[in-house]
Protein backbone atom coordinates (compact mmCIF):
# COMPACT_ATOMS: atom_id res chain seq x y z
CA MET A 1 -67.48 -96.33 3.77
CA ILE A 2 -68.82 -92.88 4.77
CA ALA A 3 -67.28 -93.23 8.25
CA ALA A 4 -63.97 -94.30 6.89
CA LEU A 5 -63.98 -91.01 4.65
CA CYS A 6 -65.10 -89.05 7.53
CA LEU A 7 -62.37 -90.18 9.88
CA LEU A 8 -59.76 -89.89 6.98
CA LEU A 9 -60.99 -86.14 6.87
CA LEU A 10 -60.94 -85.80 10.47
CA GLN A 11 -57.48 -86.94 10.53
CA THR A 12 -56.18 -84.72 7.79
CA ARG A 13 -57.90 -81.85 9.63
CA THR A 14 -55.83 -82.87 12.73
CA ASP A 15 -52.62 -83.44 10.82
CA ALA A 16 -53.32 -79.92 9.32
CA ASP A 17 -53.71 -78.45 12.82
CA LYS A 18 -50.58 -80.11 13.98
CA ALA A 19 -48.40 -78.85 11.18
CA ILE A 20 -49.76 -75.22 11.40
CA ALA A 21 -48.90 -75.20 15.16
CA ALA A 22 -45.49 -76.66 14.46
CA TYR A 23 -44.80 -73.95 11.93
CA GLU A 24 -45.97 -71.35 14.11
CA LYS A 25 -43.74 -72.53 16.95
CA ALA A 26 -40.92 -72.76 14.65
CA VAL A 27 -41.49 -69.33 13.23
CA LYS A 28 -41.80 -67.93 16.79
CA SER A 29 -38.35 -69.33 17.59
CA ALA A 30 -36.59 -68.46 14.34
CA LYS A 31 -33.89 -65.89 14.84
CA ASP A 32 -33.51 -64.74 11.14
CA THR A 33 -35.24 -65.16 7.74
CA SER A 34 -33.44 -68.38 6.92
CA GLY A 35 -34.99 -69.82 10.22
CA ARG A 36 -38.54 -68.70 9.18
CA ALA A 37 -38.03 -70.33 5.60
CA ALA A 38 -36.90 -73.38 7.27
CA ALA A 39 -40.13 -73.32 9.56
CA VAL A 40 -42.37 -73.46 6.26
CA GLY A 41 -41.11 -77.05 5.84
CA ASN A 42 -43.54 -78.03 8.60
CA LEU A 43 -46.32 -77.09 6.20
CA GLY A 44 -45.55 -80.03 3.93
CA GLY A 45 -46.30 -83.41 4.15
CA VAL A 46 -49.96 -82.69 4.75
CA LEU A 47 -52.11 -81.83 1.54
CA HIS A 48 -55.05 -79.71 2.96
CA PRO A 49 -56.75 -76.61 1.88
CA ASP A 50 -55.87 -74.64 4.92
CA LEU A 51 -52.14 -75.43 4.63
CA ARG A 52 -52.21 -74.56 0.90
CA ASP A 53 -53.77 -71.14 1.47
CA ARG A 54 -51.03 -70.48 4.20
CA LEU A 55 -48.47 -71.55 1.47
CA ILE A 56 -50.12 -69.31 -1.17
CA ASP A 57 -49.89 -66.32 1.48
CA LEU A 58 -46.13 -67.11 1.97
CA ALA A 59 -45.38 -67.30 -1.64
CA ALA A 60 -45.98 -63.69 -1.64
CA ASN A 61 -43.71 -62.83 1.20
CA PRO A 62 -41.25 -60.27 0.49
CA ALA A 63 -38.29 -62.56 1.54
CA PRO A 64 -37.21 -64.61 -1.29
CA GLU A 65 -36.17 -67.44 0.91
CA ILE A 66 -39.79 -67.73 2.31
CA ARG A 67 -41.19 -67.52 -1.21
CA ALA A 68 -38.77 -70.33 -2.58
CA ALA A 69 -39.88 -72.62 0.45
CA ALA A 70 -43.62 -72.10 -0.05
CA VAL A 71 -43.52 -72.80 -3.88
CA ASN A 72 -41.32 -75.96 -3.43
CA LEU A 73 -44.39 -77.29 -1.19
CA LEU A 74 -47.07 -76.14 -3.65
CA GLY A 75 -46.21 -78.44 -6.35
CA GLY A 76 -47.34 -81.30 -4.08
CA TYR A 77 -50.70 -80.02 -4.73
CA ARG A 78 -50.78 -81.63 -8.01
CA ASN A 79 -54.50 -81.12 -8.96
CA ASP A 80 -55.25 -77.78 -7.34
CA GLU A 81 -55.90 -74.63 -9.18
CA LYS A 82 -55.30 -72.32 -6.59
CA ALA A 83 -51.72 -73.76 -6.15
CA ALA A 84 -51.26 -73.90 -9.85
CA ASP A 85 -51.94 -70.12 -10.02
CA ALA A 86 -49.52 -69.40 -7.28
CA ILE A 87 -46.77 -71.40 -8.97
CA ASP A 88 -47.46 -69.57 -12.26
CA ARG A 89 -47.02 -66.30 -10.50
CA LEU A 90 -43.59 -67.27 -9.07
CA ILE A 91 -42.09 -68.36 -12.41
CA ALA A 92 -41.70 -64.69 -13.20
CA ASP A 93 -40.08 -64.10 -9.99
CA ARG A 94 -36.68 -61.97 -9.97
CA ASP A 95 -35.06 -64.04 -7.40
CA THR A 96 -33.15 -66.98 -9.03
CA THR A 97 -34.09 -69.69 -6.42
CA VAL A 98 -37.67 -68.83 -6.32
CA ALA A 99 -38.04 -69.10 -10.16
CA VAL A 100 -36.04 -72.31 -10.35
CA ARG A 101 -38.28 -73.83 -7.87
CA ALA A 102 -41.45 -72.39 -9.50
CA CYS A 103 -40.57 -73.85 -12.84
CA GLN A 104 -39.57 -77.29 -10.83
CA ALA A 105 -43.11 -77.04 -9.13
CA LEU A 106 -44.96 -76.46 -12.37
CA GLY A 107 -43.41 -80.00 -13.57
CA GLU A 108 -44.91 -81.71 -10.42
CA LEU A 109 -48.67 -80.53 -11.32
CA GLU A 110 -51.07 -82.59 -13.08
CA HIS A 111 -50.37 -82.49 -16.82
CA GLY A 112 -53.51 -80.44 -17.75
CA LEU A 113 -52.74 -77.86 -15.12
CA ALA A 114 -49.27 -77.58 -16.04
CA ARG A 115 -50.07 -77.16 -19.61
CA LYS A 116 -52.47 -74.31 -19.08
CA ARG A 117 -49.42 -72.33 -17.39
CA VAL A 118 -46.55 -72.74 -19.71
CA GLU A 119 -46.50 -69.01 -21.39
CA LYS A 120 -44.31 -67.51 -18.61
CA LEU A 121 -42.30 -70.76 -18.62
CA ASN A 122 -41.55 -70.33 -22.35
CA LYS A 123 -40.39 -66.90 -21.78
CA ARG A 124 -37.94 -67.74 -19.37
CA PHE A 125 -35.74 -70.22 -22.01
CA LEU A 126 -33.56 -67.39 -22.90
CA ASP A 127 -33.31 -65.76 -19.45
CA LYS A 128 -29.91 -64.06 -18.55
CA ASP A 129 -29.89 -66.21 -15.38
CA GLU A 130 -28.43 -69.67 -16.63
CA ALA A 131 -30.03 -71.37 -13.66
CA VAL A 132 -33.60 -70.10 -14.51
CA ALA A 133 -33.25 -70.81 -18.27
CA LYS A 134 -32.13 -74.30 -17.59
CA ALA A 135 -34.99 -74.90 -15.00
CA SER A 136 -37.48 -73.69 -17.52
CA VAL A 137 -36.21 -75.75 -20.49
CA GLU A 138 -36.27 -78.93 -18.12
CA ALA A 139 -39.74 -78.17 -16.89
CA ALA A 140 -40.83 -77.80 -20.53
CA GLY A 141 -39.68 -81.21 -21.06
CA VAL A 142 -41.44 -82.62 -18.02
CA VAL A 143 -44.70 -80.78 -19.07
CA ARG A 144 -44.30 -81.64 -22.63
CA ALA A 145 -46.94 -79.02 -23.88
CA LYS A 146 -47.17 -78.48 -27.64
CA GLU A 147 -47.26 -74.61 -26.75
CA SER A 148 -43.38 -75.03 -25.94
CA ILE A 149 -42.15 -76.52 -29.01
CA ASP A 150 -41.75 -73.42 -31.13
CA PRO A 151 -40.23 -71.09 -28.38
CA LEU A 152 -37.82 -73.91 -27.45
CA ILE A 153 -36.92 -74.33 -31.37
CA ASP A 154 -36.50 -70.37 -31.45
CA ALA A 155 -34.40 -70.31 -28.49
CA GLY A 156 -31.96 -72.95 -29.90
CA LYS A 157 -31.77 -71.13 -33.10
CA LEU A 158 -30.84 -67.89 -31.44
CA VAL A 159 -28.26 -69.94 -29.17
CA ALA A 160 -26.77 -71.33 -32.28
CA GLN A 161 -26.50 -68.13 -34.14
CA LYS A 162 -24.79 -66.55 -31.12
CA LEU A 163 -22.42 -69.47 -30.99
CA ALA A 164 -21.73 -69.02 -34.44
CA GLY A 165 -20.92 -65.49 -34.08
CA ILE A 166 -18.50 -66.40 -31.14
CA PHE A 167 -16.80 -69.12 -33.06
CA GLN A 168 -16.17 -66.78 -36.24
CA GLN A 169 -14.77 -64.03 -33.93
CA MET A 170 -12.30 -66.73 -32.59
CA GLY A 171 -11.38 -67.62 -36.11
CA ILE A 172 -12.90 -70.90 -36.22
CA GLU A 173 -14.12 -71.84 -39.83
CA GLY A 174 -17.43 -73.43 -40.80
CA CYS A 175 -19.65 -71.68 -38.35
CA ASN A 176 -22.39 -69.79 -40.40
CA GLY A 177 -25.12 -69.65 -37.61
CA GLY A 178 -27.63 -71.47 -39.87
């Protein structure tokens, strides 16, 4: 049993080394940011602390394409506090793609880890960027944290009031916003 575990760990380490080598080779041959972001995909498929740490570093990259690619893979680390913390930080990202992917990645985490991180998610329910608002509400549905219930209800009420005001301006009767 111990020998089998050691062999598994050795294979995982070897796979991680191969993934890092493939990533570094792809980055060197990349001609632009999109190519470097595509290279990040080489770090997926093997869950290893070294790869996770590399992804966390990439999640802080100035290029949004690279941050998005990194957070997309961090969701695979379902039971990992460090990965969950990086995902949590990116939920507040100003870039739409990064924020959407961070919301989705939060939904991939183990329930307890995700529930501890819904505060930023809840703040995105009424985001002016519709894609981010939608992704945050969908992620809240996956996470099912009781801490999201009141913010979701409040967001729904505000949307209903805004729609009622629009309908009233259009002369549509029976819309009181309540």
